[in-house]
Amino acid sequence: MMIYKQRIRELRKERHLTQEEIGSLLNTSMQYYNKYENTDIPLPITHLITLAKFYGVSTDYILGLKDTKE
């Protein structure tokens, strides 16, 4: 189950950020980041950690292992 694509999209939209802005944070292109949200390619662990720190949530939350953000 690829719940992380929904979680990273929700987190980005809650903060009114664009895919281009998050791509820049991850040092990648907007097009490549878009593929993470659409599960065309798997989310690398380094990006998972960066996003968790940036959004202030746990990696377990992003991966769908927990329903609470902490």
C-alpha atoms as a PDB file:
ATOM      1  CA  MET A   1       0.000   0.000   0.000  1.00  0.00           C
ATOM      2  CA  MET A   2       1.417   3.375  -1.051  1.00  0.00           C
ATOM      3  CA  ILE A   3      -0.126   5.692   1.529  1.00  0.00           C
ATOM      4  CA  TYR A   4       2.927   7.959   1.550  1.00  0.00           C
ATOM      5  CA  LYS A   5       1.940   9.585  -1.748  1.00  0.00           C
ATOM      6  CA  GLN A   6      -1.314  10.777  -0.180  1.00  0.00           C
ATOM      7  CA  ARG A   7       0.417  11.910   2.995  1.00  0.00           C
ATOM      8  CA  ILE A   8       3.124  13.941   1.267  1.00  0.00           C
ATOM      9  CA  ARG A   9       0.483  15.568  -0.955  1.00  0.00           C
ATOM     10  CA  GLU A  10      -1.691  16.436   2.077  1.00  0.00           C
ATOM     11  CA  LEU A  11       1.243  17.847   4.021  1.00  0.00           C
ATOM     12  CA  ARG A  12       2.336  19.970   1.060  1.00  0.00           C
ATOM     13  CA  LYS A  13      -1.169  21.300   0.400  1.00  0.00           C
ATOM     14  CA  GLU A  14      -1.815  22.055   4.100  1.00  0.00           C
ATOM     15  CA  ARG A  15       1.117  24.473   3.925  1.00  0.00           C
ATOM     16  CA  HIS A  16       0.099  25.879   0.532  1.00  0.00           C
ATOM     17  CA  LEU A  17       3.356  24.806  -1.075  1.00  0.00           C
ATOM     18  CA  THR A  18       3.910  23.900  -4.705  1.00  0.00           C
ATOM     19  CA  GLN A  19       5.545  20.771  -6.004  1.00  0.00           C
ATOM     20  CA  GLU A  20       8.265  23.033  -7.370  1.00  0.00           C
ATOM     21  CA  GLU A  21       9.011  24.385  -3.876  1.00  0.00           C
ATOM     22  CA  ILE A  22       9.242  20.899  -2.385  1.00  0.00           C
ATOM     23  CA  GLY A  23      11.317  19.707  -5.319  1.00  0.00           C
ATOM     24  CA  SER A  24      13.728  22.537  -4.591  1.00  0.00           C
ATOM     25  CA  LEU A  25      13.860  21.531  -0.905  1.00  0.00           C
ATOM     26  CA  LEU A  26      14.766  17.999  -2.001  1.00  0.00           C
ATOM     27  CA  ASN A  27      17.229  19.309  -4.595  1.00  0.00           C
ATOM     28  CA  THR A  28      15.234  17.759  -7.427  1.00  0.00           C
ATOM     29  CA  SER A  29      12.881  18.996 -10.129  1.00  0.00           C
ATOM     30  CA  MET A  30       9.162  19.582  -9.800  1.00  0.00           C
ATOM     31  CA  GLN A  31       8.584  16.874 -12.416  1.00  0.00           C
ATOM     32  CA  TYR A  32      10.575  14.346 -10.417  1.00  0.00           C
ATOM     33  CA  TYR A  33       8.822  15.278  -7.162  1.00  0.00           C
ATOM     34  CA  ASN A  34       5.486  14.898  -8.949  1.00  0.00           C
ATOM     35  CA  LYS A  35       6.407  11.286  -9.607  1.00  0.00           C
ATOM     36  CA  TYR A  36       6.776  10.709  -5.844  1.00  0.00           C
ATOM     37  CA  GLU A  37       3.233  11.973  -5.235  1.00  0.00           C
ATOM     38  CA  ASN A  38       1.907   9.788  -8.033  1.00  0.00           C
ATOM     39  CA  THR A  39       4.023   6.734  -7.054  1.00  0.00           C
ATOM     40  CA  ASP A  40       5.607   6.466 -10.471  1.00  0.00           C
ATOM     41  CA  ILE A  41       8.877   6.101  -8.568  1.00  0.00           C
ATOM     42  CA  PRO A  42       9.552   5.191  -4.925  1.00  0.00           C
ATOM     43  CA  LEU A  43      10.386   7.910  -2.413  1.00  0.00           C
ATOM     44  CA  PRO A  44      14.072   7.628  -1.422  1.00  0.00           C
ATOM     45  CA  ILE A  45      14.795   7.299   2.288  1.00  0.00           C
ATOM     46  CA  THR A  46      16.860  10.494   2.292  1.00  0.00           C
ATOM     47  CA  HIS A  47      13.871  12.411   0.901  1.00  0.00           C
ATOM     48  CA  LEU A  48      11.546  10.731   3.400  1.00  0.00           C
ATOM     49  CA  ILE A  49      13.727  11.924   6.272  1.00  0.00           C
ATOM     50  CA  THR A  50      14.027  15.441   4.828  1.00  0.00           C
ATOM     51  CA  LEU A  51      10.255  15.726   4.402  1.00  0.00           C
ATOM     52  CA  ALA A  52       9.562  14.390   7.907  1.00  0.00           C
ATOM     53  CA  LYS A  53      11.924  16.966   9.422  1.00  0.00           C
ATOM     54  CA  PHE A  54      10.571  19.769   7.241  1.00  0.00           C
ATOM     55  CA  TYR A  55       6.925  19.033   8.077  1.00  0.00           C
ATOM     56  CA  GLY A  56       7.629  18.154  11.716  1.00  0.00           C
ATOM     57  CA  VAL A  57       6.067  14.699  11.488  1.00  0.00           C
ATOM     58  CA  SER A  58       7.369  11.185  11.951  1.00  0.00           C
ATOM     59  CA  THR A  59       8.490   9.028   9.071  1.00  0.00           C
ATOM     60  CA  ASP A  60       5.987   6.435  10.348  1.00  0.00           C
ATOM     61  CA  TYR A  61       3.198   8.958   9.765  1.00  0.00           C
ATOM     62  CA  ILE A  62       4.299   9.636   6.176  1.00  0.00           C
ATOM     63  CA  LEU A  63       4.570   5.902   5.491  1.00  0.00           C
ATOM     64  CA  GLY A  64       1.111   5.246   6.941  1.00  0.00           C
ATOM     65  CA  LEU A  65       2.342   3.157   9.869  1.00  0.00           C
ATOM     66  CA  LYS A  66       0.834   5.627  12.348  1.00  0.00           C
ATOM     67  CA  ASP A  67      -2.162   7.898  12.109  1.00  0.00           C
ATOM     68  CA  THR A  68      -0.713  10.567  14.386  1.00  0.00           C
ATOM     69  CA  LYS A  69       1.817  13.039  13.039  1.00  0.00           C
ATOM     70  CA  GLU A  70       4.238  12.707  15.970  1.00  0.00           C
END
